[in-house]
C-alpha atoms as a PDB file:
ATOM      1  CA  UNK A   1       0.000   0.000   0.000  1.00  0.00           C
ATOM      2  CA  UNK A   2       2.842   2.385   0.907  1.00  0.00           C
ATOM      3  CA  UNK A   3       4.635   1.563  -2.369  1.00  0.00           C
ATOM      4  CA  UNK A   4       1.448   2.301  -4.333  1.00  0.00           C
ATOM      5  CA  UNK A   5       1.001   5.643  -2.554  1.00  0.00           C
ATOM      6  CA  UNK A   6       4.642   6.537  -3.235  1.00  0.00           C
ATOM      7  CA  UNK A   7       4.211   5.656  -6.922  1.00  0.00           C
ATOM      8  CA  UNK A   8       1.079   7.811  -7.200  1.00  0.00           C
ATOM      9  CA  UNK A   9       2.883  10.720  -5.520  1.00  0.00           C
ATOM     10  CA  UNK A  10       5.763  10.512  -8.022  1.00  0.00           C
ATOM     11  CA  UNK A  11       3.299  10.274 -10.908  1.00  0.00           C
ATOM     12  CA  UNK A  12       1.416  13.349  -9.685  1.00  0.00           C
ATOM     13  CA  UNK A  13       4.662  15.302  -9.380  1.00  0.00           C
ATOM     14  CA  UNK A  14       5.755  14.329 -12.889  1.00  0.00           C
ATOM     15  CA  UNK A  15       2.341  15.304 -14.292  1.00  0.00           C
ATOM     16  CA  UNK A  16       2.457  18.693 -12.514  1.00  0.00           C
ATOM     17  CA  UNK A  17       5.978  19.366 -13.779  1.00  0.00           C
ATOM     18  CA  UNK A  18       4.968  18.385 -17.280  1.00  0.00           C
ATOM     19  CA  UNK A  19       1.995  20.765 -17.256  1.00  0.00           C
ATOM     20  CA  UNK A  20       4.153  23.632 -16.008  1.00  0.00           C
ATOM     21  CA  UNK A  21       6.813  22.940 -18.610  1.00  0.00           C
ATOM     22  CA  UNK A  22       4.217  22.760 -21.391  1.00  0.00           C
ATOM     23  CA  UNK A  23       2.699  26.049 -20.247  1.00  0.00           C
ATOM     24  CA  UNK A  24       6.068  27.778 -20.354  1.00  0.00           C
ATOM     25  CA  UNK A  25       6.783  26.340 -23.788  1.00  0.00           C
ATOM     26  CA  UNK A  26       3.761  28.110 -25.308  1.00  0.00           C
ATOM     27  CA  UNK A  27       4.419  31.372 -27.151  1.00  0.00           C
ATOM     28  CA  UNK A  28       3.681  34.462 -25.112  1.00  0.00           C
ATOM     29  CA  UNK A  29       4.112  38.203 -25.082  1.00  0.00           C
ATOM     30  CA  UNK A  30       5.063  40.420 -22.119  1.00  0.00           C
ATOM     31  CA  UNK A  31       3.776  43.988 -21.929  1.00  0.00           C
ATOM     32  CA  UNK A  32       3.218  46.725 -19.379  1.00  0.00           C
ATOM     33  CA  UNK A  33       0.094  48.759 -18.711  1.00  0.00           C
ATOM     34  CA  UNK A  34      -0.482  51.976 -16.810  1.00  0.00           C
ATOM     35  CA  UNK A  35      -3.469  54.021 -15.711  1.00  0.00           C
ATOM     36  CA  UNK A  36      -4.034  56.925 -13.352  1.00  0.00           C
ATOM     37  CA  UNK A  37      -6.555  59.552 -12.318  1.00  0.00           C
ATOM     38  CA  UNK A  38      -6.833  62.624 -10.093  1.00  0.00           C
ATOM     39  CA  UNK A  39      -9.394  63.005  -7.313  1.00  0.00           C
ATOM     40  CA  UNK A  40     -10.328  65.953  -5.125  1.00  0.00           C
ATOM     41  CA  UNK A  41      -9.731  65.566  -1.367  1.00  0.00           C
ATOM     42  CA  UNK A  42     -12.964  65.388   0.638  1.00  0.00           C
ATOM     43  CA  UNK A  43     -11.492  64.846   4.107  1.00  0.00           C
ATOM     44  CA  UNK A  44      -9.071  67.529   5.309  1.00  0.00           C
ATOM     45  CA  UNK A  45      -7.544  67.550   8.793  1.00  0.00           C
ATOM     46  CA  UNK A  46      -6.393  70.925  10.108  1.00  0.00           C
ATOM     47  CA  UNK A  47      -4.040  71.064  13.087  1.00  0.00           C
ATOM     48  CA  UNK A  48      -4.383  74.001  15.492  1.00  0.00           C
ATOM     49  CA  UNK A  49      -1.878  74.682  18.267  1.00  0.00           C
ATOM     50  CA  UNK A  50      -2.974  76.924  21.122  1.00  0.00           C
ATOM     51  CA  UNK A  51       0.020  78.201  23.048  1.00  0.00           C
ATOM     52  CA  UNK A  52      -0.037  80.607  25.991  1.00  0.00           C
ATOM     53  CA  UNK A  53       3.407  81.794  24.959  1.00  0.00           C
ATOM     54  CA  UNK A  54       2.006  83.278  21.726  1.00  0.00           C
ATOM     55  CA  UNK A  55      -0.115  85.697  23.738  1.00  0.00           C
ATOM     56  CA  UNK A  56       2.800  86.366  26.110  1.00  0.00           C
ATOM     57  CA  UNK A  57       0.831  84.820  28.936  1.00  0.00           C
ATOM     58  CA  UNK A  58      -2.083  87.262  28.585  1.00  0.00           C
ATOM     59  CA  UNK A  59      -4.512  84.492  27.707  1.00  0.00           C
ATOM     60  CA  UNK A  60      -4.705  80.983  29.134  1.00  0.00           C
ATOM     61  CA  UNK A  61      -5.134  77.918  26.956  1.00  0.00           C
ATOM     62  CA  UNK A  62      -8.672  77.677  28.323  1.00  0.00           C
ATOM     63  CA  UNK A  63      -9.459  81.230  27.164  1.00  0.00           C
ATOM     64  CA  UNK A  64      -7.961  80.589  23.719  1.00  0.00           C
ATOM     65  CA  UNK A  65      -9.952  77.376  23.483  1.00  0.00           C
ATOM     66  CA  UNK A  66     -13.235  79.173  24.215  1.00  0.00           C
ATOM     67  CA  UNK A  67     -12.499  81.787  21.569  1.00  0.00           C
ATOM     68  CA  UNK A  68     -11.563  79.112  19.035  1.00  0.00           C
ATOM     69  CA  UNK A  69     -14.684  77.038  19.654  1.00  0.00           C
ATOM     70  CA  UNK A  70     -16.892  80.121  19.420  1.00  0.00           C
ATOM     71  CA  UNK A  71     -15.337  81.081  16.078  1.00  0.00           C
ATOM     72  CA  UNK A  72     -15.579  77.536  14.683  1.00  0.00           C
ATOM     73  CA  UNK A  73     -19.269  77.382  15.568  1.00  0.00           C
ATOM     74  CA  UNK A  74     -19.746  80.758  13.910  1.00  0.00           C
ATOM     75  CA  UNK A  75     -18.318  79.500  10.607  1.00  0.00           C
ATOM     76  CA  UNK A  76     -20.395  76.312  10.730  1.00  0.00           C
ATOM     77  CA  UNK A  77     -18.037  73.645  12.085  1.00  0.00           C
ATOM     78  CA  UNK A  78     -19.754  70.817  13.993  1.00  0.00           C
ATOM     79  CA  UNK A  79     -17.693  70.870  17.175  1.00  0.00           C
ATOM     80  CA  UNK A  80     -19.034  67.575  18.532  1.00  0.00           C
ATOM     81  CA  UNK A  81     -18.160  65.593  15.395  1.00  0.00           C
ATOM     82  CA  UNK A  82     -15.249  67.397  13.811  1.00  0.00           C
ATOM     83  CA  UNK A  83     -13.095  68.817  16.615  1.00  0.00           C
ATOM     84  CA  UNK A  84     -10.785  66.635  18.710  1.00  0.00           C
ATOM     85  CA  UNK A  85      -7.841  67.165  21.052  1.00  0.00           C
ATOM     86  CA  UNK A  86      -4.505  65.960  19.666  1.00  0.00           C
ATOM     87  CA  UNK A  87      -2.076  66.774  22.449  1.00  0.00           C
ATOM     88  CA  UNK A  88      -1.807  68.601  25.776  1.00  0.00           C
ATOM     89  CA  UNK A  89       1.567  69.671  27.126  1.00  0.00           C
ATOM     90  CA  UNK A  90       3.417  72.181  29.274  1.00  0.00           C
ATOM     91  CA  UNK A  91       6.939  73.400  28.677  1.00  0.00           C
ATOM     92  CA  UNK A  92       8.441  72.000  31.857  1.00  0.00           C
ATOM     93  CA  UNK A  93      11.929  72.143  30.334  1.00  0.00           C
ATOM     94  CA  UNK A  94      11.669  75.936  30.478  1.00  0.00           C
ATOM     95  CA  UNK A  95      10.338  75.780  33.999  1.00  0.00           C
ATOM     96  CA  UNK A  96      13.526  74.054  35.117  1.00  0.00           C
ATOM     97  CA  UNK A  97      15.570  76.944  33.734  1.00  0.00           C
ATOM     98  CA  UNK A  98      13.327  79.838  34.651  1.00  0.00           C
ATOM     99  CA  UNK A  99      10.935  79.326  37.558  1.00  0.00           C
ATOM    100  CA  UNK A 100       8.361  81.944  36.608  1.00  0.00           C
ATOM    101  CA  UNK A 101       7.706  80.840  33.016  1.00  0.00           C
ATOM    102  CA  UNK A 102       5.342  77.926  32.452  1.00  0.00           C
ATOM    103  CA  UNK A 103       3.369  78.162  29.225  1.00  0.00           C
ATOM    104  CA  UNK A 104       0.821  75.471  28.511  1.00  0.00           C
ATOM    105  CA  UNK A 105      -0.106  74.415  24.992  1.00  0.00           C
ATOM    106  CA  UNK A 106      -2.888  72.320  23.526  1.00  0.00           C
ATOM    107  CA  UNK A 107      -3.196  70.836  20.057  1.00  0.00           C
ATOM    108  CA  UNK A 108      -6.454  70.208  18.191  1.00  0.00           C
ATOM    109  CA  UNK A 109      -7.521  68.511  14.987  1.00  0.00           C
ATOM    110  CA  UNK A 110     -10.376  69.939  12.917  1.00  0.00           C
ATOM    111  CA  UNK A 111     -11.977  67.876  10.144  1.00  0.00           C
ATOM    112  CA  UNK A 112     -13.523  69.631   7.123  1.00  0.00           C
ATOM    113  CA  UNK A 113     -14.773  68.308   3.793  1.00  0.00           C
ATOM    114  CA  UNK A 114     -13.538  70.830   1.238  1.00  0.00           C
ATOM    115  CA  UNK A 115     -11.112  73.642   0.514  1.00  0.00           C
ATOM    116  CA  UNK A 116     -13.776  76.313   1.043  1.00  0.00           C
ATOM    117  CA  UNK A 117     -14.371  75.121   4.608  1.00  0.00           C
ATOM    118  CA  UNK A 118     -10.627  74.911   5.235  1.00  0.00           C
ATOM    119  CA  UNK A 119     -10.273  78.492   4.016  1.00  0.00           C
ATOM    120  CA  UNK A 120     -12.962  79.646   6.470  1.00  0.00           C
ATOM    121  CA  UNK A 121     -11.140  77.952   9.348  1.00  0.00           C
ATOM    122  CA  UNK A 122      -7.800  79.583   8.474  1.00  0.00           C
ATOM    123  CA  UNK A 123      -9.341  83.021   8.022  1.00  0.00           C
ATOM    124  CA  UNK A 124     -11.602  82.791  11.083  1.00  0.00           C
ATOM    125  CA  UNK A 125      -8.835  81.703  13.444  1.00  0.00           C
ATOM    126  CA  UNK A 126      -6.411  84.272  12.039  1.00  0.00           C
ATOM    127  CA  UNK A 127      -8.908  87.035  12.816  1.00  0.00           C
ATOM    128  CA  UNK A 128      -8.972  86.106  16.515  1.00  0.00           C
ATOM    129  CA  UNK A 129      -5.190  85.897  16.716  1.00  0.00           C
ATOM    130  CA  UNK A 130      -4.671  82.130  16.371  1.00  0.00           C
ATOM    131  CA  UNK A 131      -1.978  81.641  13.747  1.00  0.00           C
ATOM    132  CA  UNK A 132      -0.450  78.236  14.541  1.00  0.00           C
ATOM    133  CA  UNK A 133      -2.680  76.485  12.006  1.00  0.00           C
ATOM    134  CA  UNK A 134      -1.570  73.989   9.357  1.00  0.00           C
ATOM    135  CA  UNK A 135      -2.942  71.279   7.087  1.00  0.00           C
ATOM    136  CA  UNK A 136      -2.223  67.953   8.753  1.00  0.00           C
ATOM    137  CA  UNK A 137      -3.610  65.341   6.367  1.00  0.00           C
ATOM    138  CA  UNK A 138      -5.914  64.973   3.363  1.00  0.00           C
ATOM    139  CA  UNK A 139      -7.823  62.006   1.962  1.00  0.00           C
ATOM    140  CA  UNK A 140     -10.544  61.046  -0.464  1.00  0.00           C
ATOM    141  CA  UNK A 141     -13.069  58.571   0.933  1.00  0.00           C
ATOM    142  CA  UNK A 142     -13.327  56.718  -2.404  1.00  0.00           C
ATOM    143  CA  UNK A 143      -9.586  56.089  -2.791  1.00  0.00           C
ATOM    144  CA  UNK A 144      -9.761  52.299  -2.326  1.00  0.00           C
ATOM    145  CA  UNK A 145     -12.666  51.842  -4.734  1.00  0.00           C
ATOM    146  CA  UNK A 146     -11.035  54.072  -7.340  1.00  0.00           C
ATOM    147  CA  UNK A 147      -7.728  52.249  -6.895  1.00  0.00           C
ATOM    148  CA  UNK A 148      -9.413  48.956  -7.834  1.00  0.00           C
ATOM    149  CA  UNK A 149     -10.931  50.539 -10.947  1.00  0.00           C
ATOM    150  CA  UNK A 150      -7.539  51.922 -11.944  1.00  0.00           C
ATOM    151  CA  UNK A 151      -6.015  48.437 -11.587  1.00  0.00           C
ATOM    152  CA  UNK A 152      -8.586  47.163 -14.079  1.00  0.00           C
ATOM    153  CA  UNK A 153      -7.825  49.964 -16.525  1.00  0.00           C
ATOM    154  CA  UNK A 154      -4.087  49.243 -16.283  1.00  0.00           C
ATOM    155  CA  UNK A 155      -4.723  45.576 -17.179  1.00  0.00           C
ATOM    156  CA  UNK A 156      -6.908  46.552 -20.143  1.00  0.00           C
ATOM    157  CA  UNK A 157      -4.230  48.968 -21.275  1.00  0.00           C
ATOM    158  CA  UNK A 158      -1.690  46.130 -21.177  1.00  0.00           C
ATOM    159  CA  UNK A 159      -3.989  43.885 -23.234  1.00  0.00           C
ATOM    160  CA  UNK A 160      -4.536  46.603 -25.843  1.00  0.00           C
ATOM    161  CA  UNK A 161      -0.785  47.037 -26.126  1.00  0.00           C
ATOM    162  CA  UNK A 162      -0.353  43.288 -26.630  1.00  0.00           C
ATOM    163  CA  UNK A 163      -3.073  43.273 -29.310  1.00  0.00           C
ATOM    164  CA  UNK A 164      -1.319  46.103 -31.159  1.00  0.00           C
ATOM    165  CA  UNK A 165       1.632  43.724 -31.627  1.00  0.00           C
ATOM    166  CA  UNK A 166      -0.262  40.518 -32.453  1.00  0.00           C
ATOM    167  CA  UNK A 167      -3.003  41.878 -34.738  1.00  0.00           C
ATOM    168  CA  UNK A 168      -0.673  42.673 -37.691  1.00  0.00           C
ATOM    169  CA  UNK A 169       0.559  39.064 -37.427  1.00  0.00           C
ATOM    170  CA  UNK A 170      -2.993  37.677 -37.562  1.00  0.00           C
ATOM    171  CA  UNK A 171      -2.548  36.252 -34.086  1.00  0.00           C
ATOM    172  CA  UNK A 172      -4.677  36.660 -31.009  1.00  0.00           C
ATOM    173  CA  UNK A 173      -3.913  37.499 -27.407  1.00  0.00           C
ATOM    174  CA  UNK A 174      -4.861  34.635 -25.111  1.00  0.00           C
ATOM    175  CA  UNK A 175      -5.178  34.286 -21.350  1.00  0.00           C
ATOM    176  CA  UNK A 176      -2.910  36.152 -18.968  1.00  0.00           C
ATOM    177  CA  UNK A 177      -0.551  33.638 -17.334  1.00  0.00           C
ATOM    178  CA  UNK A 178       1.352  36.071 -15.148  1.00  0.00           C
ATOM    179  CA  UNK A 179       0.496  39.481 -13.682  1.00  0.00           C
ATOM    180  CA  UNK A 180       2.950  41.592 -11.694  1.00  0.00           C
ATOM    181  CA  UNK A 181       1.726  44.679  -9.864  1.00  0.00           C
ATOM    182  CA  UNK A 182       4.640  47.069 -10.414  1.00  0.00           C
ATOM    183  CA  UNK A 183       3.098  50.102  -8.835  1.00  0.00           C
ATOM    184  CA  UNK A 184      -0.115  50.817  -7.010  1.00  0.00           C
ATOM    185  CA  UNK A 185       0.110  53.898  -4.896  1.00  0.00           C
ATOM    186  CA  UNK A 186      -1.741  56.945  -3.618  1.00  0.00           C
ATOM    187  CA  UNK A 187       0.184  60.192  -3.867  1.00  0.00           C
ATOM    188  CA  UNK A 188      -1.663  61.706  -0.897  1.00  0.00           C
ATOM    189  CA  UNK A 189      -1.593  61.991   2.681  1.00  0.00           C
ATOM    190  CA  UNK A 190      -2.025  58.970   4.632  1.00  0.00           C
ATOM    191  CA  UNK A 191       0.903  60.526   6.262  1.00  0.00           C
ATOM    192  CA  UNK A 192       1.714  63.269   3.753  1.00  0.00           C
ATOM    193  CA  UNK A 193       0.074  66.526   2.693  1.00  0.00           C
ATOM    194  CA  UNK A 194      -0.555  67.412  -0.922  1.00  0.00           C
ATOM    195  CA  UNK A 195       0.245  70.940  -2.085  1.00  0.00           C
ATOM    196  CA  UNK A 196      -1.842  73.856  -0.894  1.00  0.00           C
ATOM    197  CA  UNK A 197      -2.285  76.871  -3.148  1.00  0.00           C
ATOM    198  CA  UNK A 198      -3.472  80.207  -1.747  1.00  0.00           C
ATOM    199  CA  UNK A 199      -4.848  82.526  -4.432  1.00  0.00           C
ATOM    200  CA  UNK A 200      -4.980  86.371  -4.186  1.00  0.00           C
ATOM    201  CA  UNK A 201      -2.415  88.716  -2.742  1.00  0.00           C
ATOM    202  CA  UNK A 202      -4.495  89.844   0.228  1.00  0.00           C
ATOM    203  CA  UNK A 203      -3.743  88.616   3.746  1.00  0.00           C
ATOM    204  CA  UNK A 204      -5.925  86.710   6.149  1.00  0.00           C
ATOM    205  CA  UNK A 205      -6.507  89.979   8.025  1.00  0.00           C
ATOM    206  CA  UNK A 206      -8.606  91.458   5.224  1.00  0.00           C
ATOM    207  CA  UNK A 207     -12.083  92.438   6.354  1.00  0.00           C
ATOM    208  CA  UNK A 208     -13.461  92.463   2.809  1.00  0.00           C
ATOM    209  CA  UNK A 209     -15.233  89.133   2.081  1.00  0.00           C
ATOM    210  CA  UNK A 210     -14.549  89.514  -1.642  1.00  0.00           C
ATOM    211  CA  UNK A 211     -10.819  89.774  -0.984  1.00  0.00           C
ATOM    212  CA  UNK A 212     -10.530  86.673   1.171  1.00  0.00           C
ATOM    213  CA  UNK A 213      -7.879  84.254  -0.056  1.00  0.00           C
ATOM    214  CA  UNK A 214      -9.006  81.095  -1.775  1.00  0.00           C
ATOM    215  CA  UNK A 215      -7.327  77.887  -0.644  1.00  0.00           C
ATOM    216  CA  UNK A 216      -7.092  75.097  -3.190  1.00  0.00           C
ATOM    217  CA  UNK A 217      -5.581  71.642  -2.762  1.00  0.00           C
ATOM    218  CA  UNK A 218      -3.635  69.716  -5.329  1.00  0.00           C
ATOM    219  CA  UNK A 219      -5.655  66.716  -6.371  1.00  0.00           C
ATOM    220  CA  UNK A 220      -4.720  63.267  -5.116  1.00  0.00           C
ATOM    221  CA  UNK A 221      -3.145  61.084  -7.799  1.00  0.00           C
ATOM    222  CA  UNK A 222      -4.159  57.420  -7.864  1.00  0.00           C
ATOM    223  CA  UNK A 223      -2.185  55.266 -10.280  1.00  0.00           C
ATOM    224  CA  UNK A 224      -1.446  51.661 -11.153  1.00  0.00           C
ATOM    225  CA  UNK A 225       1.266  49.995 -13.241  1.00  0.00           C
ATOM    226  CA  UNK A 226       1.288  46.296 -14.169  1.00  0.00           C
ATOM    227  CA  UNK A 227       3.453  43.880 -16.128  1.00  0.00           C
ATOM    228  CA  UNK A 228       1.482  41.072 -17.819  1.00  0.00           C
ATOM    229  CA  UNK A 229       2.430  37.923 -19.717  1.00  0.00           C
ATOM    230  CA  UNK A 230      -0.232  36.884 -22.252  1.00  0.00           C
ATOM    231  CA  UNK A 231      -0.355  33.650 -24.238  1.00  0.00           C
ATOM    232  CA  UNK A 232      -0.357  34.061 -28.011  1.00  0.00           C
ATOM    233  CA  UNK A 233      -2.960  31.984 -29.851  1.00  0.00           C
END
């Protein structure tokens, strides 16, 4: 019984090797395919740092926080959903050197959905004297779904390239026998910030609504690059 099992195992291995060898012996063509698209960010995180030192100790973090929250509500930010605390700290290293200087700081994250809302946050906070504001991260909520679609377009692009070679020879492109994903990336912030463009020469201090700067974000690039081996029929 053991001898029979051993014989069957060897036979199965030989058959598998033979199939693989035959597959590799068939004529094939190797081509690459690329596809990409640009999407507008619809989730923008803004970091705000409140620091008592910026007001030279005239306002506490608590006072700055109240002013910030009041202004954010005024411009339409949902405080309960879209405002969170990032970090709370005190500069104890300065306290060790100079006993009478302890300035607390507190960091917040504000979530908005578009550049217009981000612009309102920057302008609103600047008007009440809060200037430590920066774009922290941007995303598009459909990135994963779009990435899958782009993969499909890259494969189709590769097939069309292969057909451009085989059609003049009256041959056809068969099944794909090998696909290598060379590149599938998001040029965006899941850790990085895309470019921010501020249009108009006026400053954030302008009281004229028509002169307020317009903030625009570079679109997020989603791309895919594949290398495919097709059989030739």
